Protein backbone atom coordinates (compact mmCIF):
# COMPACT_ATOMS: atom_id res chain seq x y z
CA UNK A 1 16.07 -27.57 2.50
CA UNK A 2 19.56 -26.94 3.81
CA UNK A 3 19.39 -25.10 7.15
CA UNK A 4 22.05 -22.60 6.13
CA UNK A 5 20.03 -21.73 3.06
CA UNK A 6 16.90 -21.34 5.19
CA UNK A 7 18.71 -19.05 7.65
CA UNK A 8 20.08 -16.90 4.84
CA UNK A 9 16.79 -16.82 2.92
CA UNK A 10 14.93 -15.77 6.08
CA UNK A 11 17.50 -13.04 6.76
CA UNK A 12 17.20 -11.80 3.18
CA UNK A 13 13.38 -11.66 3.36
CA UNK A 14 13.72 -9.89 6.72
CA UNK A 15 16.00 -7.26 5.18
CA UNK A 16 13.70 -6.75 2.20
CA UNK A 17 10.42 -6.64 4.14
CA UNK A 18 11.74 -4.68 7.08
CA UNK A 19 13.72 -2.44 4.77
CA UNK A 20 10.49 -1.11 3.28
CA UNK A 21 9.19 -0.09 6.70
CA UNK A 22 12.59 1.11 7.87
CA UNK A 23 13.00 3.33 4.81
CA UNK A 24 9.52 4.75 5.29
CA UNK A 25 10.14 5.54 8.95
CA UNK A 26 13.53 7.12 8.18
CA UNK A 27 11.94 9.21 5.40
CA UNK A 28 9.25 10.39 7.82
CA UNK A 29 11.85 11.29 10.45
CA UNK A 30 14.20 13.07 8.06
CA UNK A 31 11.86 14.63 5.50
CA UNK A 32 8.19 14.56 6.47
CA UNK A 33 8.64 15.85 10.02
CA UNK A 34 10.45 19.08 9.10
CA UNK A 35 8.34 19.57 5.96
CA UNK A 36 5.08 19.26 7.87
CA UNK A 37 6.30 21.80 10.42
CA UNK A 38 6.11 24.35 7.59
CA UNK A 39 2.46 23.82 6.58
CA UNK A 40 -0.74 25.01 8.21
CA UNK A 41 -2.71 22.74 10.52
CA UNK A 42 -5.47 21.92 8.04
CA UNK A 43 -2.96 20.92 5.34
CA UNK A 44 -1.07 18.81 7.87
CA UNK A 45 -4.23 16.92 8.86
CA UNK A 46 -5.27 16.37 5.25
CA UNK A 47 -1.85 15.23 4.03
CA UNK A 48 -1.04 12.98 6.99
CA UNK A 49 -4.57 11.61 7.11
CA UNK A 50 -4.29 10.39 3.54
CA UNK A 51 -0.70 9.22 4.01
CA UNK A 52 -1.87 7.07 6.91
CA UNK A 53 -4.96 5.94 5.01
CA UNK A 54 -2.79 4.33 2.35
CA UNK A 55 0.16 3.43 4.56
CA UNK A 56 -1.89 1.62 7.17
CA UNK A 57 -3.51 -0.48 4.45
CA UNK A 58 -0.39 -1.30 2.45
CA UNK A 59 2.53 -1.37 4.90
CA UNK A 60 1.39 -4.45 6.88
CA UNK A 61 2.39 -6.75 4.01
CA UNK A 62 6.15 -6.02 4.06
CA UNK A 63 6.03 -5.56 7.83
CA UNK A 64 4.50 -8.96 8.50
CA UNK A 65 6.84 -10.61 6.00
CA UNK A 66 9.79 -9.08 7.85
CA UNK A 67 8.59 -10.19 11.27
CA UNK A 68 7.72 -13.73 10.19
CA UNK A 69 11.00 -14.15 8.31
CA UNK A 70 12.95 -12.81 11.30
CA UNK A 71 11.30 -15.33 13.59
CA UNK A 72 11.89 -18.21 11.15
CA UNK A 73 15.55 -17.25 10.82
CA UNK A 74 16.03 -16.98 14.57
CA UNK A 75 14.45 -20.38 15.20
CA UNK A 76 16.39 -22.03 12.38
CA UNK A 77 19.71 -20.59 13.56
CA UNK A 78 19.08 -21.54 17.19
CA UNK A 79 17.94 -25.08 16.46
CA UNK A 80 20.98 -25.67 14.27
CA UNK A 81 23.36 -24.26 16.93
CA UNK A 82 24.60 -21.45 14.70
CA UNK A 83 25.03 -19.26 17.77
CA UNK A 84 26.39 -16.08 16.18
CA UNK A 85 23.60 -16.12 13.62
CA UNK A 86 21.06 -17.08 16.29
CA UNK A 87 22.04 -14.10 18.44
CA UNK A 88 21.83 -11.69 15.50
CA UNK A 89 18.70 -13.30 14.11
CA UNK A 90 17.04 -13.20 17.53
CA UNK A 91 17.70 -9.49 17.78
CA UNK A 92 15.63 -8.78 14.67
CA UNK A 93 12.26 -10.15 15.84
CA UNK A 94 12.79 -8.66 19.29
CA UNK A 95 13.32 -5.19 17.78
CA UNK A 96 10.42 -5.66 15.37
CA UNK A 97 8.05 -6.71 18.14
CA UNK A 98 9.04 -3.62 20.15
CA UNK A 99 8.39 -1.55 17.01
CA UNK A 100 5.00 -3.22 16.61
CA UNK A 101 4.12 -2.42 20.21
CA UNK A 102 5.00 1.26 19.72
CA UNK A 103 3.08 1.37 16.49
CA UNK A 104 -0.10 -0.39 17.66
CA UNK A 105 -0.32 1.32 21.05
CA UNK A 106 0.78 4.86 20.19
CA UNK A 107 1.12 5.59 16.48
CA UNK A 108 -1.89 3.73 15.04
CA UNK A 109 -4.50 5.54 17.19
CA UNK A 110 -3.10 8.85 15.98
CA UNK A 111 -3.13 7.57 12.39
CA UNK A 112 -6.81 6.63 12.72
CA UNK A 113 -7.75 10.07 14.04
CA UNK A 114 -5.91 11.88 11.26
CA UNK A 115 -7.32 9.53 8.60
CA UNK A 116 -10.88 9.97 9.82
CA UNK A 117 -10.51 13.75 9.81
CA UNK A 118 -9.02 13.79 6.31
CA UNK A 119 -11.70 11.50 4.89
CA UNK A 120 -14.55 13.53 6.36
CA UNK A 121 -12.95 16.94 5.79
CA UNK A 122 -13.13 17.59 9.53
CA UNK A 123 -10.88 20.24 10.99
CA UNK A 124 -9.07 18.90 14.03
CA UNK A 125 -8.37 21.44 16.74
CA UNK A 126 -5.64 19.11 18.06
CA UNK A 127 -4.23 18.04 14.68
CA UNK A 128 -0.85 19.69 15.26
CA UNK A 129 -0.60 18.20 18.76
CA UNK A 130 -1.39 14.75 17.37
CA UNK A 131 1.35 15.15 14.77
CA UNK A 132 3.85 16.32 17.40
CA UNK A 133 3.11 13.19 19.44
CA UNK A 134 3.44 11.00 16.31
CA UNK A 135 6.73 12.75 15.47
CA UNK A 136 8.04 12.07 18.96
CA UNK A 137 7.83 8.32 18.25
CA UNK A 138 9.30 8.18 14.74
CA UNK A 139 12.97 8.25 15.70
CA UNK A 140 12.53 5.30 18.07
CA UNK A 141 10.51 3.43 15.45
CA UNK A 142 13.17 4.04 12.81
CA UNK A 143 15.93 2.97 15.20
CA UNK A 144 14.15 -0.31 16.00
CA UNK A 145 13.66 -1.04 12.31
CA UNK A 146 17.32 -0.18 11.67
CA UNK A 147 18.43 -2.56 14.40
CA UNK A 148 16.40 -5.33 12.79
CA UNK A 149 17.85 -4.65 9.35
CA UNK A 150 21.41 -4.47 10.69
CA UNK A 151 20.98 -7.67 12.72
CA UNK A 152 19.68 -9.46 9.64
CA UNK A 153 22.67 -8.22 7.64
CA UNK A 154 24.94 -9.71 10.33
CA UNK A 155 23.14 -13.03 9.82
CA UNK A 156 23.87 -12.82 6.09
CA UNK A 157 27.55 -12.07 6.73
CA UNK A 158 28.14 -14.67 9.46
C-alpha cells in the first residue's frame, strides 16, 4: 500500500472514529449539562445512569478505532519523513491518550456509580455532586477530542 494512502486512510478513520466521541462529548457539554441542571436528583441519576450504561458499552468501538488509526497514521507519517503530517498526526494520539486518562481515572468511576444506582433503582444522596464532578471534566474531554479531530484534518489537508 502506498504510504500516502495509508497516512490519509488512517487520518480519515481517526476523524470518523474520534468524531463520534467528540460529538458526544460536545453534546454533553452544550446540551446535557444545562438540561440536567433543570431536573430533580432522582431523575438525573436515572437518566445519566442509563446513558452511561449504554455509552460505556458502545462508545469504546469508535474510540478505539480512532486511537489505533491515529497511532498508525503518526507512525506512517514519521517513518516516511512526512514531517508536517507526522507532527499533526502525532498530536492526535497524544490528545486521545490524555482524553483516555481523564476518562478512565475520573469519568468512568462516576459513570459506574450512576449506572449501578439506575439499574438497582437506588437513590444516591450524592448523585448531584457526582454529576457536577463529571460535568467539570466534559469541557476538557471535548477539547482533547476536538484537538485530535482538527489534527487529523490537518493531516488530510497537508
